């Protein structure tokens, strides 16, 4: 990962008009999907963008790529402001900026073969790879874990995980510098999710790709991201490195999200108290005044209802937009209380079978910790 900045998003906004009437339509409001977000992505880095459904994550990704036109703000990619570029000038830029869509079923044309889908970027950019298009496409298919012999098959002949690999192959065909991953594993089961995440990381190491990884699964984001930005109602409320955000979150909304992450230990999970936010997500048509989170925040005061908090740096690289940030560290020891959040699991020492048998024979075997046996049922 390099410290060279490849993407800078400054005060990006996106609103959708709300109209009323049939013959004579009149705009009566607007849906404020993205509200002045600021992001930076370095070369070869993965920035995770998390938040609950409806917060504007996917819209932000599409606006950054100019798949949707921004209402205001700027997107600087490799020193160029792409928000001021014409559609014609954007075409060459598409070879360096790509997107992996969320739904592997609707993002592939069912009437096109896999070969024509993956080779589409070559046709659009007018590129003739050495050795021919078919050879290059089959090489890409093999690189993403697809059988090159399936070049002439149609999308309906593949499983969900394989279809997502086809979408990934299409995105990396021209070796782009930046890819927006719009919840690429949310429609897949857990085992396939792990395979796709490992594939994305391998491609990043090989080609130096920078990712904007949009997701609502905090475990997946923690696995792949270098930095994480938390989004709520179109606003970035917290941004920090992966390690810092998961162990020292400062915004109440981030605490609530992390408290919902399950812990794979029944005893530790029983001691944790989840933060349940009251009420539903407010409407993007009529955003709350002041801090947008104050309607669901247990720390809200009159100041939160009137003043919009700025995104300030509370620690090196840790930005928070909150009037009353939570400064306590979660840590691995703090597992109870309203701000428990994520809990690190201790490392377990695993004995090889030979040592276990030796201990059994010598009578030095001990009862495994963390397991409750009924009386008379101890294994040793």
Protein backbone atom coordinates (compact mmCIF):
# COMPACT_ATOMS: atom_id res chain seq x y z
CA UNK A 1 0.00 0.00 0.00
CA UNK A 2 1.29 3.44 -0.98
CA UNK A 3 0.77 6.82 0.66
CA UNK A 4 0.13 8.36 -2.76
CA UNK A 5 -3.41 9.73 -2.93
CA UNK A 6 -5.37 8.38 -5.91
CA UNK A 7 -8.86 9.65 -5.07
CA UNK A 8 -10.13 12.69 -3.18
CA UNK A 9 -13.82 13.39 -2.59
CA UNK A 10 -14.63 16.91 -1.40
CA UNK A 11 -18.08 17.99 -0.14
CA UNK A 12 -19.86 15.50 -2.42
CA UNK A 13 -23.65 15.84 -2.48
CA UNK A 14 -26.42 13.99 -4.28
CA UNK A 15 -30.14 14.80 -4.12
CA UNK A 16 -33.03 13.23 -5.98
CA UNK A 17 -36.07 15.42 -6.74
CA UNK A 18 -39.48 14.37 -5.40
CA UNK A 19 -42.29 15.34 -7.78
CA UNK A 20 -46.05 15.48 -7.41
CA UNK A 21 -48.68 15.29 -10.11
CA UNK A 22 -49.24 13.31 -13.30
CA UNK A 23 -49.60 15.67 -16.23
CA UNK A 24 -48.11 18.75 -14.61
CA UNK A 25 -45.36 17.54 -12.30
CA UNK A 26 -44.12 19.85 -9.60
CA UNK A 27 -41.12 19.30 -7.38
CA UNK A 28 -42.23 19.25 -3.77
CA UNK A 29 -39.01 18.16 -2.13
CA UNK A 30 -35.79 16.22 -2.54
CA UNK A 31 -34.21 13.06 -1.16
CA UNK A 32 -30.84 14.00 0.30
CA UNK A 33 -28.94 10.75 -0.25
CA UNK A 34 -25.38 12.09 0.10
CA UNK A 35 -24.72 15.19 2.18
CA UNK A 36 -21.27 16.71 1.80
CA UNK A 37 -18.98 13.72 2.37
CA UNK A 38 -15.18 13.99 2.29
CA UNK A 39 -13.03 10.93 1.56
CA UNK A 40 -9.52 10.09 0.41
CA UNK A 41 -8.21 6.77 -0.92
CA UNK A 42 -4.53 5.99 -1.39
CA UNK A 43 -3.03 3.79 -4.06
CA UNK A 44 -3.39 0.09 -3.21
CA UNK A 45 -5.53 0.87 -0.15
CA UNK A 46 -8.98 -0.41 0.81
CA UNK A 47 -11.36 2.08 2.39
CA UNK A 48 -14.42 0.44 3.92
CA UNK A 49 -17.69 2.40 3.87
CA UNK A 50 -20.22 1.04 6.38
CA UNK A 51 -23.65 1.96 7.67
CA UNK A 52 -27.16 0.60 7.87
CA UNK A 53 -29.39 0.20 4.82
CA UNK A 54 -30.58 3.50 3.38
CA UNK A 55 -27.69 5.63 4.63
CA UNK A 56 -26.42 6.44 1.10
CA UNK A 57 -23.39 4.13 0.80
CA UNK A 58 -24.17 2.69 -2.63
CA UNK A 59 -25.29 6.07 -3.96
CA UNK A 60 -22.00 7.60 -2.86
CA UNK A 61 -20.07 4.92 -4.74
CA UNK A 62 -22.07 5.47 -7.92
CA UNK A 63 -21.68 9.24 -7.72
CA UNK A 64 -17.92 8.92 -7.24
CA UNK A 65 -17.74 6.97 -10.52
CA UNK A 66 -20.13 9.41 -12.24
CA UNK A 67 -22.68 6.64 -12.81
CA UNK A 68 -24.95 9.18 -11.13
CA UNK A 69 -24.47 12.89 -11.61
CA UNK A 70 -23.44 14.73 -8.41
CA UNK A 71 -25.53 17.65 -7.17
CA UNK A 72 -22.48 19.45 -5.77
CA UNK A 73 -18.90 18.80 -4.74
CA UNK A 74 -15.86 17.43 -6.55
CA UNK A 75 -14.22 14.06 -7.19
CA UNK A 76 -10.48 14.28 -7.92
CA UNK A 77 -9.08 11.10 -9.50
CA UNK A 78 -5.37 11.05 -10.31
CA UNK A 79 -5.33 14.84 -10.24
CA UNK A 80 -8.38 15.32 -12.51
CA UNK A 81 -11.75 16.64 -11.39
CA UNK A 82 -14.05 14.13 -13.08
CA UNK A 83 -17.22 15.98 -12.03
CA UNK A 84 -16.48 18.58 -14.72
CA UNK A 85 -15.66 16.12 -17.49
CA UNK A 86 -18.02 15.37 -20.36
CA UNK A 87 -19.37 11.88 -21.02
CA UNK A 88 -17.05 11.60 -24.00
CA UNK A 89 -14.00 12.49 -21.91
CA UNK A 90 -15.02 9.97 -19.25
CA UNK A 91 -14.76 6.99 -21.61
CA UNK A 92 -10.93 6.65 -21.46
CA UNK A 93 -11.12 7.12 -17.69
CA UNK A 94 -13.38 4.06 -17.33
CA UNK A 95 -10.40 1.81 -17.98
CA UNK A 96 -8.89 3.03 -14.69
CA UNK A 97 -12.11 3.26 -12.63
CA UNK A 98 -14.45 0.30 -12.40
CA UNK A 99 -17.27 -1.08 -10.27
CA UNK A 100 -18.29 -4.49 -8.91
CA UNK A 101 -22.04 -4.53 -8.45
CA UNK A 102 -23.94 -5.99 -5.53
CA UNK A 103 -26.29 -8.34 -7.38
CA UNK A 104 -24.47 -10.92 -9.54
CA UNK A 105 -27.80 -11.87 -11.12
CA UNK A 106 -29.02 -8.52 -12.47
CA UNK A 107 -25.59 -7.05 -13.28
CA UNK A 108 -24.91 -9.59 -16.06
CA UNK A 109 -26.76 -9.57 -19.37
CA UNK A 110 -28.45 -13.00 -19.65
CA UNK A 111 -28.32 -12.83 -23.47
CA UNK A 112 -24.53 -12.49 -23.61
CA UNK A 113 -22.00 -15.23 -23.11
CA UNK A 114 -19.37 -14.97 -20.41
CA UNK A 115 -16.75 -14.34 -23.06
CA UNK A 116 -18.62 -11.35 -24.51
CA UNK A 117 -19.33 -9.93 -21.02
CA UNK A 118 -15.70 -10.02 -19.89
CA UNK A 119 -14.39 -8.81 -23.27
CA UNK A 120 -16.73 -5.78 -23.33
CA UNK A 121 -14.10 -3.40 -21.83
CA UNK A 122 -11.73 -4.24 -24.70
CA UNK A 123 -14.42 -3.37 -27.24
CA UNK A 124 -15.44 -0.12 -25.52
CA UNK A 125 -11.85 1.10 -25.17
CA UNK A 126 -10.76 -0.15 -28.60
CA UNK A 127 -7.95 -2.24 -27.13
CA UNK A 128 -6.57 -5.31 -28.92
CA UNK A 129 -4.60 -7.37 -26.40
CA UNK A 130 -1.56 -9.32 -27.50
CA UNK A 131 -2.55 -12.86 -28.42
CA UNK A 132 -6.16 -11.94 -29.12
CA UNK A 133 -9.21 -11.03 -27.07
CA UNK A 134 -10.32 -14.60 -26.44
CA UNK A 135 -6.93 -15.63 -25.08
CA UNK A 136 -6.82 -12.57 -22.76
CA UNK A 137 -10.36 -13.20 -21.51
CA UNK A 138 -9.65 -16.86 -20.80
CA UNK A 139 -6.52 -15.86 -18.92
CA UNK A 140 -8.58 -13.46 -16.80
CA UNK A 141 -11.21 -16.15 -16.20
CA UNK A 142 -8.55 -18.52 -14.93
CA UNK A 143 -7.10 -15.79 -12.73
CA UNK A 144 -10.44 -15.25 -10.94
CA UNK A 145 -11.10 -18.97 -10.49
CA UNK A 146 -13.35 -19.68 -13.50
CA UNK A 147 -12.87 -22.48 -15.99
CA UNK A 148 -11.59 -20.98 -19.29
CA UNK A 149 -13.49 -23.68 -21.16
CA UNK A 150 -16.76 -22.00 -20.06
CA UNK A 151 -16.03 -19.06 -22.36
CA UNK A 152 -19.19 -19.62 -24.41
CA UNK A 153 -21.57 -20.33 -21.53
CA UNK A 154 -24.34 -18.00 -20.39
CA UNK A 155 -24.73 -16.46 -16.88
CA UNK A 156 -27.70 -18.68 -16.01
CA UNK A 157 -25.40 -21.70 -16.19
CA UNK A 158 -23.33 -20.48 -13.22
CA UNK A 159 -23.87 -20.35 -9.47
CA UNK A 160 -24.13 -17.09 -7.52
CA UNK A 161 -20.48 -17.17 -6.48
CA UNK A 162 -19.34 -17.89 -10.03
CA UNK A 163 -21.47 -15.02 -11.37
CA UNK A 164 -19.82 -12.67 -8.92
CA UNK A 165 -16.44 -13.87 -10.17
CA UNK A 166 -17.59 -13.02 -13.70
CA UNK A 167 -18.40 -9.49 -12.50
CA UNK A 168 -14.97 -9.25 -10.85
CA UNK A 169 -13.28 -10.50 -14.03
CA UNK A 170 -15.07 -7.84 -16.07
CA UNK A 171 -13.94 -5.14 -13.60
CA UNK A 172 -10.25 -6.17 -13.55
CA UNK A 173 -9.89 -6.95 -17.27
CA UNK A 174 -8.08 -3.67 -18.03
CA UNK A 175 -6.20 -3.64 -14.69
CA UNK A 176 -7.83 -0.49 -13.26
CA UNK A 177 -6.34 1.61 -10.48
CA UNK A 178 -9.58 2.05 -8.50
CA UNK A 179 -12.66 -0.14 -8.03
CA UNK A 180 -15.87 0.57 -6.12
CA UNK A 181 -17.05 -2.72 -4.58
CA UNK A 182 -20.76 -2.26 -3.88
CA UNK A 183 -21.52 -4.97 -1.31
CA UNK A 184 -19.96 -7.66 -3.55
CA UNK A 185 -20.47 -10.51 -1.07
CA UNK A 186 -23.79 -9.65 0.59
CA UNK A 187 -25.76 -12.00 -1.71
CA UNK A 188 -23.40 -14.94 -1.16
CA UNK A 189 -23.17 -17.55 1.58
CA UNK A 190 -20.36 -17.38 4.14
CA UNK A 191 -17.99 -19.89 2.53
CA UNK A 192 -18.26 -18.19 -0.88
CA UNK A 193 -17.85 -14.79 0.80
CA UNK A 194 -14.44 -15.85 2.13
CA UNK A 195 -13.34 -17.03 -1.32
CA UNK A 196 -14.38 -13.76 -2.98
CA UNK A 197 -12.71 -11.64 -0.28
CA UNK A 198 -9.48 -13.61 -0.68
CA UNK A 199 -9.70 -13.18 -4.45
CA UNK A 200 -10.11 -9.40 -4.12
CA UNK A 201 -7.11 -9.21 -1.81
CA UNK A 202 -4.98 -11.31 -4.18
CA UNK A 203 -5.91 -9.07 -7.12
CA UNK A 204 -5.10 -6.00 -5.05
CA UNK A 205 -1.65 -7.35 -4.19
CA UNK A 206 -1.02 -8.31 -7.82
CA UNK A 207 -2.25 -5.16 -9.59
CA UNK A 208 -2.05 -2.50 -6.83
CA UNK A 209 -5.78 -1.75 -7.02
CA UNK A 210 -7.42 0.67 -4.57
CA UNK A 211 -10.88 -0.33 -3.32
CA UNK A 212 -13.83 1.59 -1.94
CA UNK A 213 -15.52 -1.36 -0.23
CA UNK A 214 -19.19 -0.64 0.51
CA UNK A 215 -20.79 -3.06 2.99
CA UNK A 216 -22.95 -3.35 6.08
CA UNK A 217 -21.25 -6.51 7.39
CA UNK A 218 -18.68 -5.21 9.86
CA UNK A 219 -16.85 -8.55 10.04
CA UNK A 220 -16.23 -8.54 6.28
CA UNK A 221 -15.13 -4.89 6.36
CA UNK A 222 -12.69 -5.63 9.18
CA UNK A 223 -11.18 -8.45 7.14
CA UNK A 224 -10.43 -6.48 3.98
CA UNK A 225 -10.20 -2.77 4.87
CA UNK A 226 -7.19 -0.66 5.86
CA UNK A 227 -9.37 2.29 6.92
CA UNK A 228 -13.09 2.48 7.68
CA UNK A 229 -15.59 5.32 7.29
CA UNK A 230 -18.98 5.14 9.04
CA UNK A 231 -21.93 6.70 7.24
CA UNK A 232 -25.31 7.76 8.64
CA UNK A 233 -28.06 9.51 6.65
CA UNK A 234 -25.64 10.64 3.96
CA UNK A 235 -23.04 11.99 6.43
CA UNK A 236 -19.63 10.59 7.41
CA UNK A 237 -19.79 10.46 11.22
CA UNK A 238 -16.49 8.70 11.92
CA UNK A 239 -13.39 7.68 10.00
CA UNK A 240 -10.25 5.93 11.25
CA UNK A 241 -7.87 3.07 10.64
CA UNK A 242 -9.35 -0.40 10.97
CA UNK A 243 -7.56 -1.19 14.23
CA UNK A 244 -8.38 2.16 15.80
CA UNK A 245 -12.05 2.22 14.84
CA UNK A 246 -12.80 -1.32 16.02
CA UNK A 247 -10.98 -0.93 19.34
CA UNK A 248 -11.50 2.81 20.06
CA UNK A 249 -14.74 4.00 18.43
CA UNK A 250 -15.78 7.50 19.51
CA UNK A 251 -19.13 8.14 17.84
CA UNK A 252 -22.25 6.73 19.57
CA UNK A 253 -23.54 5.36 16.27
CA UNK A 254 -20.31 3.41 15.72
CA UNK A 255 -20.65 1.97 19.23
CA UNK A 256 -24.18 0.85 18.40
CA UNK A 257 -23.03 -0.83 15.19
CA UNK A 258 -20.15 -2.64 16.88
CA UNK A 259 -22.33 -3.81 19.75
CA UNK A 260 -24.40 -5.75 17.20
CA UNK A 261 -21.38 -7.76 16.01
CA UNK A 262 -21.77 -11.29 17.44
CA UNK A 263 -18.94 -12.81 19.46
CA UNK A 264 -18.19 -16.50 18.79
CA UNK A 265 -18.11 -17.34 22.49
CA UNK A 266 -21.39 -18.02 24.37
CA UNK A 267 -20.02 -16.88 27.74
CA UNK A 268 -18.60 -13.59 26.44
CA UNK A 269 -21.71 -12.98 24.34
CA UNK A 270 -23.93 -13.46 27.41
CA UNK A 271 -21.99 -10.75 29.29
CA UNK A 272 -22.30 -8.18 26.52
CA UNK A 273 -25.14 -5.70 26.36
CA UNK A 274 -26.24 -4.63 22.92
CA UNK A 275 -27.06 -0.99 22.23
CA UNK A 276 -30.54 -0.95 20.71
CA UNK A 277 -31.24 2.34 18.98
CA UNK A 278 -34.76 3.64 19.51
CA UNK A 279 -36.94 4.53 16.54
CA UNK A 280 -36.44 4.12 12.82
CA UNK A 281 -34.02 5.79 10.45
CA UNK A 282 -35.37 9.32 9.77
CA UNK A 283 -36.53 10.17 6.26
CA UNK A 284 -33.94 11.55 3.86
CA UNK A 285 -36.60 13.94 2.56
CA UNK A 286 -36.86 15.72 5.90
CA UNK A 287 -33.53 15.41 7.68
CA UNK A 288 -33.34 16.26 11.40
CA UNK A 289 -31.84 19.62 12.31
CA UNK A 290 -28.43 19.79 13.96
CA UNK A 291 -26.76 16.40 14.30
CA UNK A 292 -28.68 13.94 12.11
CA UNK A 293 -28.18 11.19 14.72
CA UNK A 294 -29.69 13.11 17.65
CA UNK A 295 -33.16 11.53 17.21
CA UNK A 296 -31.73 8.11 18.14
CA UNK A 297 -28.76 9.05 20.32
CA UNK A 298 -28.82 8.46 24.08
CA UNK A 299 -26.25 11.27 24.62
CA UNK A 300 -28.18 13.96 22.71
CA UNK A 301 -28.70 17.41 24.25
CA UNK A 302 -30.22 20.67 23.04
CA UNK A 303 -26.90 21.50 21.40
CA UNK A 304 -27.14 18.36 19.27
CA UNK A 305 -30.60 19.40 18.08
CA UNK A 306 -29.46 22.79 16.81
CA UNK A 307 -25.73 22.66 15.95
CA UNK A 308 -24.25 20.49 13.19
CA UNK A 309 -21.05 18.83 14.48
CA UNK A 310 -17.92 19.17 12.37
CA UNK A 311 -15.80 16.18 11.38
CA UNK A 312 -12.80 16.83 13.63
CA UNK A 313 -9.59 14.89 14.20
CA UNK A 314 -9.64 13.68 17.84
CA UNK A 315 -6.54 11.51 17.37
CA UNK A 316 -4.03 11.14 14.52
CA UNK A 317 -6.05 9.87 11.56
CA UNK A 318 -9.25 9.46 13.63
CA UNK A 319 -12.04 11.83 12.55
CA UNK A 320 -15.33 12.11 14.48
CA UNK A 321 -18.42 14.28 13.95
CA UNK A 322 -19.94 14.42 17.44
CA UNK A 323 -20.42 17.06 20.14
CA UNK A 324 -19.99 14.47 22.90
CA UNK A 325 -17.71 11.70 21.62
CA UNK A 326 -17.22 8.58 23.72
CA UNK A 327 -13.56 8.48 24.73
CA UNK A 328 -13.48 5.18 26.66
CA UNK A 329 -11.52 2.38 25.03
CA UNK A 330 -13.39 -0.83 24.32
CA UNK A 331 -10.38 -3.08 24.70
CA UNK A 332 -10.47 -6.85 25.08
CA UNK A 333 -11.27 -6.68 28.79
CA UNK A 334 -14.31 -4.45 28.54
CA UNK A 335 -17.07 -6.77 27.43
CA UNK A 336 -20.04 -5.57 29.47
CA UNK A 337 -21.93 -2.32 29.74
CA UNK A 338 -23.82 -0.18 27.25
CA UNK A 339 -20.72 0.65 25.19
CA UNK A 340 -19.26 -2.82 24.92
CA UNK A 341 -18.78 -2.89 21.17
CA UNK A 342 -16.43 -5.39 19.53
CA UNK A 343 -14.60 -7.88 21.73
CA UNK A 344 -11.25 -9.31 20.77
CA UNK A 345 -11.05 -13.06 21.31
CA UNK A 346 -8.03 -14.47 23.18
CA UNK A 347 -5.62 -16.71 21.33
CA UNK A 348 -6.15 -20.40 22.08
CA UNK A 349 -3.24 -22.81 22.40
CA UNK A 350 -3.87 -25.92 20.30
CA UNK A 351 -1.95 -29.07 21.22
CA UNK A 352 -0.95 -31.55 18.52
CA UNK A 353 -2.61 -35.01 18.81
CA UNK A 354 0.68 -36.62 19.87
CA UNK A 355 0.92 -34.36 22.96
CA UNK A 356 -2.72 -34.93 23.84
CA UNK A 357 -2.23 -38.73 23.78
CA UNK A 358 0.98 -38.42 25.79
CA UNK A 359 -0.81 -36.38 28.47
CA UNK A 360 -3.65 -38.88 28.61
CA UNK A 361 -1.26 -41.78 29.10
CA UNK A 362 0.78 -39.95 31.75
CA UNK A 363 -2.31 -38.79 33.66
CA UNK A 364 -1.40 -35.10 33.29
CA UNK A 365 -4.33 -34.22 31.08
CA UNK A 366 -6.35 -31.26 32.30
CA UNK A 367 -9.97 -30.40 31.88
CA UNK A 368 -10.44 -28.06 28.89
CA UNK A 369 -11.21 -24.52 29.96
CA UNK A 370 -14.47 -22.87 29.05
CA UNK A 371 -16.52 -26.11 28.95
CA UNK A 372 -19.04 -27.01 31.65
CA UNK A 373 -19.55 -30.71 32.22
CA UNK A 374 -22.31 -32.35 34.18
CA UNK A 375 -21.22 -34.24 37.25
CA UNK A 376 -19.64 -37.54 36.31
CA UNK A 377 -19.27 -36.62 32.63
CA UNK A 378 -15.74 -35.19 32.75
CA UNK A 379 -13.69 -36.72 29.93
CA UNK A 380 -10.60 -37.20 32.11
